[in-house]
């Protein structure tokens, strides 16, 4: 079965029906202990990751897939889906700094501006890729009136765990979703100020032209069942 995911869902095992295969799920939450249903046992999932905008472009180009997971933009690919998308997981936008430093103040917009302007280097996802964390952060710094200053000292990336740059000492601060930040050792999650605390909902859908529609549907039902990923 071929599964195409937004990079925000990259965490964890590629064998979701070989419980327990990992100590973390795809979505940064503890792996479920519920056994895989019989109709999925033994199935292997071929997973491909990309930023959300790139995933949509690949689908629109006609790339084959059985299941896809995205945070938004479903209207663009609606004709390629068998059914409406269903919510699978949530993740919060935030910052990553070293776990050995005091957590910066982001309690208000003004405090957050001071924090962002004080750091020497920032890594965040290139908004042009459609990566939701990058899009949201770009909007935030525009509204805060500090976009020019921030972008002068920022490194734009795609398809990576941005917090690894912080862990390696290559950046002072990184922006990404909580599910991705929590996957990196040596860093801590810092929430955005209340006005910009975005909870991103990831949904999944089966392709209208799925090669294995029954397995694809069962896989999605497994992930969305109570106690699932």
N, C-alpha and C. Protein backbone atom coordinates (compact mmCIF):
# COMPACT_ATOMS: atom_id res chain seq x y z
N UNK A 1 0.85 -1.19 0.00
CA UNK A 1 0.00 0.00 0.00
C UNK A 1 0.88 1.24 0.00
N UNK A 2 0.56 2.21 -0.84
CA UNK A 2 1.38 3.42 -0.97
C UNK A 2 0.72 4.58 -0.22
N UNK A 3 1.49 5.18 0.68
CA UNK A 3 0.97 6.25 1.53
C UNK A 3 1.83 7.50 1.33
N UNK A 4 1.19 8.63 1.02
CA UNK A 4 1.90 9.89 0.81
C UNK A 4 1.52 10.84 1.93
N UNK A 5 2.52 11.33 2.67
CA UNK A 5 2.27 12.15 3.84
C UNK A 5 2.93 13.51 3.75
N UNK A 6 2.26 14.49 4.35
CA UNK A 6 2.90 15.77 4.61
C UNK A 6 4.03 15.53 5.60
N UNK A 7 5.12 16.31 5.51
CA UNK A 7 6.28 16.13 6.37
C UNK A 7 5.92 16.24 7.85
N UNK A 8 4.87 16.97 8.17
CA UNK A 8 4.46 17.09 9.57
C UNK A 8 4.08 15.78 10.20
N UNK A 9 3.85 14.73 9.36
CA UNK A 9 3.49 13.42 9.86
C UNK A 9 4.65 12.44 9.79
N UNK A 10 5.88 12.93 9.66
CA UNK A 10 6.97 12.04 9.37
C UNK A 10 7.41 11.16 10.54
N UNK A 11 7.00 11.48 11.76
CA UNK A 11 7.58 10.81 12.91
C UNK A 11 7.19 9.35 13.06
N UNK A 12 8.15 8.53 13.40
CA UNK A 12 7.86 7.18 13.85
C UNK A 12 7.98 6.09 12.82
N UNK A 13 7.24 5.03 13.07
CA UNK A 13 7.40 3.79 12.33
C UNK A 13 6.77 3.79 10.95
N UNK A 14 7.34 3.03 10.05
CA UNK A 14 6.73 2.82 8.74
C UNK A 14 6.03 1.46 8.72
N UNK A 15 5.91 0.83 9.87
CA UNK A 15 5.22 -0.46 9.98
C UNK A 15 4.11 -0.34 11.03
N UNK A 16 3.09 0.45 10.75
CA UNK A 16 2.09 0.74 11.76
C UNK A 16 1.30 -0.47 12.21
N UNK A 17 1.36 -1.56 11.46
CA UNK A 17 0.59 -2.74 11.82
C UNK A 17 1.49 -3.88 12.28
N UNK A 18 2.63 -3.54 12.81
CA UNK A 18 3.52 -4.54 13.37
C UNK A 18 3.77 -4.15 14.83
N UNK A 19 2.71 -4.03 15.60
CA UNK A 19 2.79 -3.51 16.96
C UNK A 19 3.59 -4.45 17.86
N UNK A 20 4.39 -3.89 18.81
CA UNK A 20 4.81 -2.49 18.78
C UNK A 20 6.09 -2.36 17.97
N UNK A 21 6.12 -1.46 17.03
CA UNK A 21 7.29 -1.30 16.16
C UNK A 21 8.12 -0.09 16.52
N UNK A 22 7.57 0.81 17.30
CA UNK A 22 8.30 2.02 17.64
C UNK A 22 7.76 2.55 18.95
N UNK A 23 8.57 3.33 19.65
CA UNK A 23 8.08 3.91 20.91
C UNK A 23 7.34 5.21 20.67
N UNK A 24 7.25 5.62 19.42
CA UNK A 24 6.46 6.80 19.10
C UNK A 24 5.67 6.54 17.84
N UNK A 25 4.54 7.21 17.71
CA UNK A 25 3.71 7.04 16.52
C UNK A 25 4.16 8.00 15.43
N UNK A 26 3.50 7.95 14.30
CA UNK A 26 3.79 8.91 13.23
C UNK A 26 3.57 10.33 13.69
N UNK A 27 2.66 10.53 14.63
CA UNK A 27 2.20 11.87 14.95
C UNK A 27 2.81 12.40 16.23
N UNK A 28 3.87 11.79 16.71
CA UNK A 28 4.56 12.32 17.87
C UNK A 28 3.90 11.96 19.18
N UNK A 29 2.89 11.11 19.16
CA UNK A 29 2.22 10.69 20.38
C UNK A 29 2.67 9.27 20.71
N UNK A 30 2.52 8.83 21.97
CA UNK A 30 2.92 7.47 22.32
C UNK A 30 2.25 6.44 21.42
N UNK A 31 3.01 5.44 21.05
CA UNK A 31 2.49 4.39 20.18
C UNK A 31 1.36 3.65 20.89
N UNK A 32 0.28 3.37 20.19
CA UNK A 32 -0.84 2.63 20.76
C UNK A 32 -0.43 1.20 21.02
N UNK A 33 -1.03 0.58 22.02
CA UNK A 33 -0.74 -0.81 22.33
C UNK A 33 -1.78 -1.75 21.76
N UNK A 34 -2.87 -1.21 21.19
CA UNK A 34 -3.92 -2.04 20.61
C UNK A 34 -3.36 -2.84 19.44
N UNK A 35 -3.57 -4.15 19.41
CA UNK A 35 -3.04 -4.97 18.32
C UNK A 35 -3.63 -4.56 16.98
N UNK A 36 -2.85 -4.77 15.95
CA UNK A 36 -3.30 -4.49 14.60
C UNK A 36 -4.42 -5.46 14.22
N UNK A 37 -5.51 -4.98 13.60
CA UNK A 37 -6.59 -5.87 13.19
C UNK A 37 -6.11 -6.88 12.15
N UNK A 38 -6.78 -8.02 12.10
CA UNK A 38 -6.34 -9.11 11.23
C UNK A 38 -6.30 -8.72 9.76
N UNK A 39 -7.23 -7.86 9.34
CA UNK A 39 -7.25 -7.51 7.92
C UNK A 39 -6.10 -6.60 7.52
N UNK A 40 -5.28 -6.17 8.50
CA UNK A 40 -4.10 -5.37 8.18
C UNK A 40 -2.80 -6.08 8.52
N UNK A 41 -2.87 -7.12 9.33
CA UNK A 41 -1.66 -7.82 9.77
C UNK A 41 -0.85 -8.29 8.57
N UNK A 42 0.44 -8.01 8.62
CA UNK A 42 1.33 -8.45 7.55
C UNK A 42 1.47 -7.48 6.40
N UNK A 43 0.59 -6.49 6.32
CA UNK A 43 0.69 -5.51 5.23
C UNK A 43 1.83 -4.53 5.50
N UNK A 44 2.56 -4.21 4.46
CA UNK A 44 3.63 -3.23 4.56
C UNK A 44 3.18 -1.94 3.87
N UNK A 45 3.58 -0.83 4.43
CA UNK A 45 3.18 0.47 3.90
C UNK A 45 4.40 1.18 3.31
N UNK A 46 4.31 1.52 2.05
CA UNK A 46 5.37 2.28 1.37
C UNK A 46 5.08 3.76 1.56
N UNK A 47 5.85 4.42 2.42
CA UNK A 47 5.55 5.79 2.81
C UNK A 47 6.49 6.78 2.13
N UNK A 48 5.91 7.85 1.62
CA UNK A 48 6.67 8.93 1.00
C UNK A 48 6.31 10.22 1.70
N UNK A 49 7.33 11.02 2.09
CA UNK A 49 7.10 12.27 2.81
C UNK A 49 7.44 13.48 1.96
N UNK A 50 6.73 14.57 2.19
CA UNK A 50 7.05 15.84 1.55
C UNK A 50 6.30 16.95 2.27
N UNK A 51 6.66 18.19 2.00
CA UNK A 51 5.90 19.31 2.54
C UNK A 51 4.50 19.30 1.91
N UNK A 52 3.54 19.87 2.63
CA UNK A 52 2.14 19.77 2.23
C UNK A 52 1.89 20.24 0.80
N UNK A 53 2.45 21.39 0.45
CA UNK A 53 2.24 21.92 -0.90
C UNK A 53 2.80 21.01 -1.97
N UNK A 54 3.93 20.38 -1.67
CA UNK A 54 4.55 19.47 -2.64
C UNK A 54 3.73 18.19 -2.76
N UNK A 55 3.19 17.71 -1.64
CA UNK A 55 2.33 16.51 -1.69
C UNK A 55 1.15 16.76 -2.61
N UNK A 56 0.50 17.92 -2.46
CA UNK A 56 -0.65 18.23 -3.31
C UNK A 56 -0.25 18.29 -4.79
N UNK A 57 0.90 18.89 -5.07
CA UNK A 57 1.37 18.97 -6.46
C UNK A 57 1.63 17.58 -7.04
N UNK A 58 2.20 16.70 -6.24
CA UNK A 58 2.47 15.34 -6.70
C UNK A 58 1.17 14.61 -7.03
N UNK A 59 0.18 14.81 -6.18
CA UNK A 59 -1.12 14.16 -6.42
C UNK A 59 -1.77 14.73 -7.67
N UNK A 60 -1.71 16.05 -7.84
CA UNK A 60 -2.32 16.68 -9.01
C UNK A 60 -1.60 16.29 -10.30
N UNK A 61 -0.33 15.92 -10.19
CA UNK A 61 0.40 15.45 -11.37
C UNK A 61 0.02 14.02 -11.75
N UNK A 62 -0.77 13.38 -10.90
CA UNK A 62 -1.22 12.03 -11.21
C UNK A 62 -0.43 10.93 -10.55
N UNK A 63 0.38 11.25 -9.55
CA UNK A 63 1.15 10.22 -8.87
C UNK A 63 0.22 9.26 -8.13
N UNK A 64 0.48 7.97 -8.23
CA UNK A 64 -0.36 6.97 -7.58
C UNK A 64 -0.18 7.01 -6.07
N UNK A 65 -1.29 6.83 -5.35
CA UNK A 65 -1.25 6.69 -3.90
C UNK A 65 -2.51 5.98 -3.44
N UNK A 66 -2.44 5.38 -2.27
CA UNK A 66 -3.60 4.74 -1.68
C UNK A 66 -4.22 5.60 -0.58
N UNK A 67 -3.36 6.20 0.25
CA UNK A 67 -3.81 7.06 1.34
C UNK A 67 -2.89 8.27 1.40
N UNK A 68 -3.46 9.43 1.71
CA UNK A 68 -2.64 10.61 1.91
C UNK A 68 -3.08 11.34 3.17
N UNK A 69 -2.13 12.04 3.81
CA UNK A 69 -2.40 12.81 5.02
C UNK A 69 -1.91 14.24 4.81
N UNK A 70 -2.78 15.20 5.10
CA UNK A 70 -2.46 16.62 4.90
C UNK A 70 -3.12 17.47 5.98
N UNK A 71 -2.58 18.69 6.22
CA UNK A 71 -3.20 19.59 7.18
C UNK A 71 -4.24 20.52 6.57
N UNK A 72 -4.21 20.69 5.25
CA UNK A 72 -5.12 21.64 4.60
C UNK A 72 -5.02 21.46 3.09
N UNK A 73 -5.80 22.28 2.36
CA UNK A 73 -5.72 22.28 0.91
C UNK A 73 -6.42 21.11 0.24
N UNK A 74 -7.37 20.51 0.93
CA UNK A 74 -8.05 19.33 0.38
C UNK A 74 -8.89 19.67 -0.85
N UNK A 75 -9.39 20.90 -0.92
CA UNK A 75 -10.25 21.27 -2.05
C UNK A 75 -9.51 21.13 -3.38
N UNK A 76 -8.19 21.33 -3.36
CA UNK A 76 -7.40 21.23 -4.59
C UNK A 76 -7.36 19.81 -5.15
N UNK A 77 -7.42 18.82 -4.27
CA UNK A 77 -7.27 17.43 -4.72
C UNK A 77 -8.53 16.61 -4.49
N UNK A 78 -9.65 17.28 -4.24
CA UNK A 78 -10.88 16.57 -3.87
C UNK A 78 -11.29 15.53 -4.90
N UNK A 79 -11.08 15.79 -6.19
CA UNK A 79 -11.50 14.85 -7.23
C UNK A 79 -10.68 13.56 -7.22
N UNK A 80 -9.55 13.58 -6.54
CA UNK A 80 -8.70 12.38 -6.50
C UNK A 80 -9.02 11.48 -5.32
N UNK A 81 -9.98 11.88 -4.48
CA UNK A 81 -10.28 11.15 -3.25
C UNK A 81 -11.55 10.33 -3.35
N UNK A 82 -11.56 9.21 -2.64
CA UNK A 82 -12.74 8.34 -2.63
C UNK A 82 -13.81 8.88 -1.69
N UNK A 83 -13.39 9.48 -0.58
CA UNK A 83 -14.31 10.00 0.44
C UNK A 83 -13.74 11.28 1.03
N UNK A 84 -14.54 11.90 1.89
CA UNK A 84 -14.07 13.11 2.58
C UNK A 84 -12.94 12.76 3.54
N UNK A 85 -11.99 13.67 3.75
CA UNK A 85 -10.91 13.44 4.71
C UNK A 85 -11.46 13.32 6.13
N UNK A 86 -10.77 12.55 6.96
CA UNK A 86 -11.15 12.40 8.36
C UNK A 86 -9.97 12.80 9.24
N UNK A 87 -10.25 13.49 10.34
CA UNK A 87 -9.20 13.97 11.23
C UNK A 87 -8.47 12.79 11.87
N UNK A 88 -7.15 12.90 11.91
CA UNK A 88 -6.32 11.82 12.46
C UNK A 88 -5.54 12.28 13.69
N UNK A 89 -4.98 13.50 13.64
CA UNK A 89 -4.12 13.95 14.74
C UNK A 89 -4.03 15.47 14.76
N UNK A 90 -3.53 15.99 15.88
CA UNK A 90 -3.35 17.43 16.05
C UNK A 90 -1.91 17.72 16.46
N UNK A 91 -1.42 18.90 16.11
CA UNK A 91 -0.07 19.31 16.50
C UNK A 91 -0.05 20.83 16.62
N UNK A 92 0.73 21.34 17.57
CA UNK A 92 0.76 22.77 17.86
C UNK A 92 2.01 23.44 17.30
N UNK A 93 1.83 24.63 16.76
CA UNK A 93 2.95 25.43 16.28
C UNK A 93 3.75 25.94 17.47
N UNK A 94 5.08 25.89 17.36
CA UNK A 94 5.89 26.39 18.45
C UNK A 94 7.34 26.59 18.06
N UNK A 95 8.16 26.86 19.05
CA UNK A 95 9.59 27.09 18.85
C UNK A 95 10.38 26.00 19.56
N UNK A 96 11.61 25.81 19.11
CA UNK A 96 12.53 24.88 19.77
C UNK A 96 13.80 25.63 20.15
N UNK A 97 14.21 25.47 21.40
CA UNK A 97 15.49 26.00 21.87
C UNK A 97 16.18 24.88 22.63
N UNK A 98 17.45 25.05 22.91
CA UNK A 98 18.17 24.03 23.66
C UNK A 98 17.52 23.80 25.02
N UNK A 99 17.52 22.56 25.45
CA UNK A 99 16.93 22.24 26.75
C UNK A 99 17.77 22.75 27.91
N UNK A 100 19.00 23.15 27.63
CA UNK A 100 19.91 23.63 28.68
C UNK A 100 19.83 25.13 28.92
N UNK A 101 19.02 25.83 28.13
CA UNK A 101 18.90 27.28 28.31
C UNK A 101 17.53 27.61 28.91
N UNK A 102 17.40 28.76 29.56
CA UNK A 102 16.09 29.15 30.09
C UNK A 102 15.07 29.27 28.97
N UNK A 103 13.87 28.84 29.25
CA UNK A 103 12.82 28.94 28.24
C UNK A 103 12.51 30.41 27.98
N UNK A 104 12.56 30.86 26.73
CA UNK A 104 12.32 32.27 26.42
C UNK A 104 10.87 32.67 26.69
N UNK A 105 10.68 33.95 26.92
CA UNK A 105 9.35 34.48 27.22
C UNK A 105 8.55 34.68 25.93
N UNK A 106 7.45 33.97 25.81
CA UNK A 106 6.54 34.15 24.67
C UNK A 106 5.11 34.36 25.18
N UNK A 107 5.00 34.89 26.38
CA UNK A 107 3.69 35.02 27.02
C UNK A 107 2.81 36.07 26.35
N UNK A 108 3.43 37.04 25.69
CA UNK A 108 2.68 38.09 25.00
C UNK A 108 3.31 38.33 23.63
N UNK A 109 2.62 39.08 22.80
CA UNK A 109 3.18 39.42 21.49
C UNK A 109 4.48 40.21 21.62
N UNK A 110 4.49 41.18 22.54
CA UNK A 110 5.68 42.01 22.71
C UNK A 110 6.86 41.18 23.23
N UNK A 111 6.58 40.28 24.16
CA UNK A 111 7.65 39.42 24.68
C UNK A 111 8.19 38.51 23.59
N UNK A 112 7.31 38.02 22.75
CA UNK A 112 7.72 37.16 21.64
C UNK A 112 8.57 37.92 20.64
N UNK A 113 8.19 39.15 20.34
CA UNK A 113 8.99 39.99 19.44
C UNK A 113 10.40 40.17 20.00
N UNK A 114 10.50 40.45 21.29
CA UNK A 114 11.82 40.62 21.91
C UNK A 114 12.64 39.34 21.81
N UNK A 115 11.98 38.22 22.04
CA UNK A 115 12.67 36.92 21.97
C UNK A 115 13.20 36.66 20.56
N UNK A 116 12.36 36.86 19.56
CA UNK A 116 12.75 36.59 18.18
C UNK A 116 13.83 37.55 17.69
N UNK A 117 13.74 38.80 18.11
CA UNK A 117 14.73 39.78 17.68
C UNK A 117 16.08 39.59 18.39
N UNK A 118 16.05 38.98 19.57
CA UNK A 118 17.28 38.81 20.35
C UNK A 118 18.14 37.66 19.86
N UNK A 119 17.53 36.62 19.32
CA UNK A 119 18.33 35.46 18.88
C UNK A 119 19.11 35.81 17.62
N UNK A 120 20.24 35.10 17.44
CA UNK A 120 21.11 35.39 16.30
C UNK A 120 20.75 34.61 15.04
N UNK A 121 20.10 33.47 15.21
CA UNK A 121 19.80 32.64 14.04
C UNK A 121 18.53 31.82 14.27
N UNK A 122 17.74 31.69 13.20
CA UNK A 122 16.45 30.99 13.25
C UNK A 122 16.35 30.07 12.04
N UNK A 123 15.75 28.92 12.24
CA UNK A 123 15.46 28.00 11.13
C UNK A 123 13.96 27.78 11.09
N UNK A 124 13.37 27.95 9.91
CA UNK A 124 11.96 27.59 9.76
C UNK A 124 11.69 27.10 8.35
N UNK A 125 10.58 26.42 8.17
CA UNK A 125 10.24 25.81 6.89
C UNK A 125 9.88 26.87 5.86
N UNK A 126 10.42 26.74 4.68
CA UNK A 126 10.15 27.68 3.60
C UNK A 126 8.65 27.71 3.29
N UNK A 127 7.99 28.84 3.47
CA UNK A 127 6.54 28.91 3.21
C UNK A 127 6.17 28.56 1.77
N UNK A 128 7.10 28.75 0.84
CA UNK A 128 6.82 28.47 -0.56
C UNK A 128 6.58 26.99 -0.83
N UNK A 129 7.02 26.13 0.09
CA UNK A 129 6.78 24.69 -0.07
C UNK A 129 5.38 24.29 0.38
N UNK A 130 4.67 25.22 1.02
CA UNK A 130 3.35 24.91 1.55
C UNK A 130 3.40 24.25 2.91
N UNK A 131 4.60 24.10 3.48
CA UNK A 131 4.71 23.54 4.83
C UNK A 131 3.97 24.42 5.82
N UNK A 132 3.01 23.84 6.53
CA UNK A 132 2.07 24.64 7.33
C UNK A 132 2.76 25.45 8.42
N UNK A 133 3.80 24.91 9.06
CA UNK A 133 4.49 25.65 10.12
C UNK A 133 5.17 26.89 9.55
N UNK A 134 5.77 26.75 8.38
CA UNK A 134 6.42 27.89 7.75
C UNK A 134 5.43 28.96 7.33
N UNK A 135 4.30 28.53 6.80
CA UNK A 135 3.25 29.46 6.38
C UNK A 135 2.73 30.25 7.58
N UNK A 136 2.45 29.55 8.67
CA UNK A 136 1.91 30.20 9.87
C UNK A 136 2.92 31.16 10.50
N UNK A 137 4.19 30.74 10.54
CA UNK A 137 5.22 31.61 11.14
C UNK A 137 5.44 32.86 10.29
N UNK A 138 5.43 32.70 8.98
CA UNK A 138 5.60 33.85 8.09
C UNK A 138 4.48 34.87 8.30
N UNK A 139 3.27 34.37 8.47
CA UNK A 139 2.14 35.27 8.74
C UNK A 139 2.31 35.97 10.08
N UNK A 140 2.81 35.22 11.07
CA UNK A 140 2.96 35.78 12.41
C UNK A 140 3.96 36.93 12.43
N UNK A 141 5.13 36.72 11.83
CA UNK A 141 6.14 37.79 11.88
C UNK A 141 5.74 38.99 11.03
N UNK A 142 4.92 38.77 10.01
CA UNK A 142 4.38 39.89 9.24
C UNK A 142 3.46 40.72 10.12
N UNK A 143 2.57 40.04 10.83
CA UNK A 143 1.61 40.75 11.70
C UNK A 143 2.30 41.42 12.87
N UNK A 144 3.42 40.85 13.31
CA UNK A 144 4.17 41.47 14.40
C UNK A 144 5.05 42.62 13.91
N UNK A 145 5.17 42.75 12.59
CA UNK A 145 5.95 43.84 12.02
C UNK A 145 7.45 43.64 12.07
N UNK A 146 7.90 42.37 12.14
CA UNK A 146 9.34 42.11 12.26
C UNK A 146 9.84 41.16 11.17
N UNK A 147 9.08 41.01 10.11
CA UNK A 147 9.43 40.03 9.07
C UNK A 147 10.81 40.29 8.46
N UNK A 148 11.10 41.54 8.13
CA UNK A 148 12.38 41.85 7.49
C UNK A 148 13.56 41.49 8.40
N UNK A 149 13.47 41.88 9.66
CA UNK A 149 14.56 41.60 10.60
C UNK A 149 14.75 40.10 10.81
N UNK A 150 13.63 39.38 10.92
CA UNK A 150 13.71 37.93 11.17
C UNK A 150 14.26 37.20 9.96
N UNK A 151 13.79 37.55 8.79
CA UNK A 151 14.22 36.83 7.58
C UNK A 151 15.69 37.05 7.24
N UNK A 152 16.24 38.17 7.67
CA UNK A 152 17.67 38.43 7.42
C UNK A 152 18.56 37.43 8.15
N UNK A 153 18.08 36.88 9.25
CA UNK A 153 18.91 35.95 10.03
C UNK A 153 18.31 34.54 10.06
N UNK A 154 17.41 34.26 9.13
CA UNK A 154 16.74 32.96 9.10
C UNK A 154 17.26 32.07 7.97
N UNK A 155 17.28 30.79 8.23
CA UNK A 155 17.58 29.77 7.22
C UNK A 155 16.27 29.06 6.89
N UNK A 156 15.88 29.07 5.62
CA UNK A 156 14.65 28.41 5.19
C UNK A 156 14.98 27.01 4.69
N UNK A 157 14.25 26.03 5.20
CA UNK A 157 14.53 24.63 4.85
C UNK A 157 13.23 23.94 4.45
N UNK A 158 13.35 22.69 4.05
CA UNK A 158 12.18 21.88 3.70
C UNK A 158 12.48 20.42 3.96
N UNK A 159 11.45 19.71 4.42
CA UNK A 159 11.57 18.27 4.61
C UNK A 159 12.55 17.84 5.69
N UNK A 160 12.69 18.62 6.74
CA UNK A 160 13.63 18.29 7.80
C UNK A 160 13.01 18.51 9.17
N UNK A 161 13.63 17.90 10.19
CA UNK A 161 13.28 18.21 11.56
C UNK A 161 14.09 19.44 11.94
N UNK A 162 13.44 20.59 11.93
CA UNK A 162 14.15 21.86 12.09
C UNK A 162 14.89 21.98 13.41
N UNK A 163 14.38 21.33 14.44
CA UNK A 163 15.01 21.41 15.76
C UNK A 163 16.39 20.77 15.78
N UNK A 164 16.71 19.92 14.80
CA UNK A 164 18.04 19.32 14.76
C UNK A 164 19.12 20.38 14.56
N UNK A 165 18.79 21.47 13.88
CA UNK A 165 19.75 22.56 13.71
C UNK A 165 20.09 23.19 15.05
N UNK A 166 19.09 23.27 15.94
CA UNK A 166 19.31 23.80 17.28
C UNK A 166 20.14 22.82 18.10
N UNK A 167 19.78 21.55 18.04
CA UNK A 167 20.48 20.53 18.81
C UNK A 167 21.95 20.44 18.43
N UNK A 168 22.26 20.69 17.15
CA UNK A 168 23.64 20.62 16.67
C UNK A 168 24.40 21.94 16.84
N UNK A 169 23.73 22.96 17.36
CA UNK A 169 24.38 24.25 17.55
C UNK A 169 24.49 25.08 16.29
N UNK A 170 23.70 24.73 15.27
CA UNK A 170 23.74 25.45 14.00
C UNK A 170 22.71 26.57 13.92
N UNK A 171 21.82 26.62 14.89
CA UNK A 171 20.82 27.69 14.98
C UNK A 171 20.43 27.85 16.44
N UNK A 172 20.02 29.05 16.78
CA UNK A 172 19.64 29.32 18.17
C UNK A 172 18.18 28.96 18.44
N UNK A 173 17.37 29.03 17.40
CA UNK A 173 15.93 28.79 17.57
C UNK A 173 15.37 28.20 16.28
N UNK A 174 14.41 27.30 16.42
CA UNK A 174 13.76 26.70 15.25
C UNK A 174 12.25 26.77 15.42
N UNK A 175 11.56 26.84 14.30
CA UNK A 175 10.11 26.88 14.28
C UNK A 175 9.59 25.62 13.61
N UNK A 176 8.65 24.95 14.25
CA UNK A 176 8.01 23.79 13.63
C UNK A 176 6.84 23.36 14.51
N UNK A 177 6.20 22.25 14.14
CA UNK A 177 5.09 21.73 14.93
C UNK A 177 5.62 20.92 16.10
N UNK A 178 4.81 20.86 17.16
CA UNK A 178 5.23 20.17 18.38
C UNK A 178 5.57 18.71 18.14
N UNK A 179 4.84 18.04 17.24
CA UNK A 179 5.09 16.62 16.98
C UNK A 179 6.50 16.40 16.44
N UNK A 180 7.02 17.36 15.71
CA UNK A 180 8.37 17.25 15.15
C UNK A 180 9.43 17.70 16.14
N UNK A 181 9.15 18.76 16.88
CA UNK A 181 10.10 19.26 17.88
C UNK A 181 10.35 18.21 18.95
N UNK A 182 9.30 17.52 19.39
CA UNK A 182 9.45 16.52 20.45
C UNK A 182 10.23 15.29 20.00
N UNK A 183 10.47 15.15 18.71
CA UNK A 183 11.25 14.02 18.20
C UNK A 183 12.75 14.24 18.30
N UNK A 184 13.17 15.45 18.64
CA UNK A 184 14.60 15.79 18.66
C UNK A 184 15.09 15.88 20.10
N UNK A 185 16.15 15.15 20.41
CA UNK A 185 16.72 15.17 21.75
C UNK A 185 17.52 16.45 21.97
N UNK A 186 17.51 16.92 23.21
CA UNK A 186 18.32 18.07 23.57
C UNK A 186 17.67 19.42 23.35
N UNK A 187 16.39 19.42 22.96
CA UNK A 187 15.68 20.68 22.77
C UNK A 187 14.40 20.68 23.59
N UNK A 188 13.83 21.85 23.79
CA UNK A 188 12.56 21.98 24.49
C UNK A 188 11.58 22.77 23.65
N UNK A 189 10.30 22.46 23.82
CA UNK A 189 9.24 23.12 23.08
C UNK A 189 8.82 24.40 23.79
N UNK A 190 8.67 25.46 23.03
CA UNK A 190 8.22 26.75 23.56
C UNK A 190 6.96 27.15 22.80
N UNK A 191 5.85 27.37 23.50
CA UNK A 191 4.60 27.72 22.80
C UNK A 191 4.63 29.13 22.23
N UNK A 192 3.80 29.35 21.23
CA UNK A 192 3.64 30.68 20.67
C UNK A 192 2.78 31.53 21.61
N UNK A 193 2.79 32.85 21.45
CA UNK A 193 1.91 33.69 22.27
C UNK A 193 0.46 33.35 21.99
N UNK A 194 -0.43 33.60 22.94
CA UNK A 194 -1.84 33.19 22.79
C UNK A 194 -2.48 33.53 21.45
N UNK A 195 -2.23 34.71 20.93
CA UNK A 195 -2.86 35.11 19.66
C UNK A 195 -2.44 34.23 18.49
N UNK A 196 -1.26 33.64 18.58
CA UNK A 196 -0.73 32.87 17.45
C UNK A 196 -0.58 31.38 17.76
N UNK A 197 -1.26 30.91 18.78
CA UNK A 197 -1.19 29.48 19.11
C UNK A 197 -2.10 28.70 18.16
N UNK A 198 -1.50 28.18 17.13
CA UNK A 198 -2.26 27.45 16.11
C UNK A 198 -2.19 25.95 16.37
N UNK A 199 -3.33 25.33 16.50
CA UNK A 199 -3.39 23.87 16.58
C UNK A 199 -3.74 23.35 15.20
N UNK A 200 -2.83 22.62 14.60
CA UNK A 200 -3.00 22.12 13.24
C UNK A 200 -3.62 20.73 13.28
N UNK A 201 -4.69 20.56 12.54
CA UNK A 201 -5.35 19.25 12.43
C UNK A 201 -4.92 18.57 11.15
N UNK A 202 -4.37 17.37 11.29
CA UNK A 202 -4.00 16.57 10.12
C UNK A 202 -5.12 15.57 9.85
N UNK A 203 -5.49 15.46 8.59
CA UNK A 203 -6.54 14.52 8.19
C UNK A 203 -5.99 13.55 7.16
N UNK A 204 -6.69 12.43 7.01
CA UNK A 204 -6.28 11.43 6.04
C UNK A 204 -7.43 11.09 5.12
N UNK A 205 -7.11 10.63 3.91
CA UNK A 205 -8.14 10.26 2.94
C UNK A 205 -7.61 9.17 2.02
N UNK A 206 -8.53 8.34 1.55
CA UNK A 206 -8.21 7.25 0.63
C UNK A 206 -8.36 7.76 -0.81
N UNK A 207 -7.46 7.34 -1.68
CA UNK A 207 -7.51 7.76 -3.08
C UNK A 207 -8.65 7.09 -3.82
N UNK A 208 -9.27 7.84 -4.74
CA UNK A 208 -10.34 7.28 -5.56
C UNK A 208 -9.80 6.14 -6.42
N UNK A 209 -8.54 6.23 -6.80
CA UNK A 209 -7.94 5.19 -7.64
C UNK A 209 -6.99 4.30 -6.89
N UNK A 210 -7.25 4.09 -5.61
CA UNK A 210 -6.36 3.26 -4.78
C UNK A 210 -6.22 1.86 -5.36
N UNK A 211 -4.99 1.35 -5.37
CA UNK A 211 -4.75 -0.01 -5.84
C UNK A 211 -5.28 -1.04 -4.86
N UNK A 212 -5.30 -0.68 -3.58
CA UNK A 212 -5.79 -1.57 -2.53
C UNK A 212 -6.81 -0.80 -1.67
N UNK A 213 -7.98 -0.50 -2.21
CA UNK A 213 -8.93 0.35 -1.50
C UNK A 213 -9.39 -0.23 -0.16
N UNK A 214 -9.58 -1.54 -0.10
CA UNK A 214 -10.02 -2.15 1.15
C UNK A 214 -8.99 -2.02 2.24
N UNK A 215 -7.74 -2.31 1.90
CA UNK A 215 -6.66 -2.19 2.87
C UNK A 215 -6.44 -0.73 3.26
N UNK A 216 -6.52 0.17 2.28
CA UNK A 216 -6.33 1.59 2.55
C UNK A 216 -7.39 2.11 3.52
N UNK A 217 -8.64 1.73 3.30
CA UNK A 217 -9.72 2.17 4.18
C UNK A 217 -9.55 1.59 5.57
N UNK A 218 -9.17 0.31 5.66
CA UNK A 218 -8.97 -0.32 6.96
C UNK A 218 -7.82 0.34 7.71
N UNK A 219 -6.78 0.72 6.99
CA UNK A 219 -5.63 1.39 7.59
C UNK A 219 -6.04 2.73 8.18
N UNK A 220 -6.83 3.50 7.44
CA UNK A 220 -7.29 4.80 7.92
C UNK A 220 -8.21 4.63 9.12
N UNK A 221 -9.08 3.64 9.08
CA UNK A 221 -9.98 3.37 10.20
C UNK A 221 -9.19 2.98 11.45
N UNK A 222 -8.11 2.23 11.25
CA UNK A 222 -7.25 1.82 12.36
C UNK A 222 -6.63 3.04 13.04
N UNK A 223 -6.18 4.01 12.24
CA UNK A 223 -5.55 5.20 12.80
C UNK A 223 -6.53 6.13 13.49
N UNK A 224 -7.78 6.13 13.04
CA UNK A 224 -8.77 7.06 13.59
C UNK A 224 -9.64 6.43 14.66
N UNK A 225 -9.46 5.14 14.92
CA UNK A 225 -10.25 4.46 15.95
C UNK A 225 -9.83 4.95 17.34
N UNK A 226 -10.72 4.87 18.34
CA UNK A 226 -10.35 5.25 19.71
C UNK A 226 -9.10 4.50 20.15
N UNK A 227 -8.13 5.25 20.66
CA UNK A 227 -6.88 4.63 21.07
C UNK A 227 -5.89 4.49 19.95
N UNK A 228 -6.24 5.01 18.76
CA UNK A 228 -5.33 4.90 17.62
C UNK A 228 -4.21 5.90 17.69
N UNK A 229 -3.52 6.05 16.53
CA UNK A 229 -2.36 6.93 16.51
C UNK A 229 -2.70 8.36 16.83
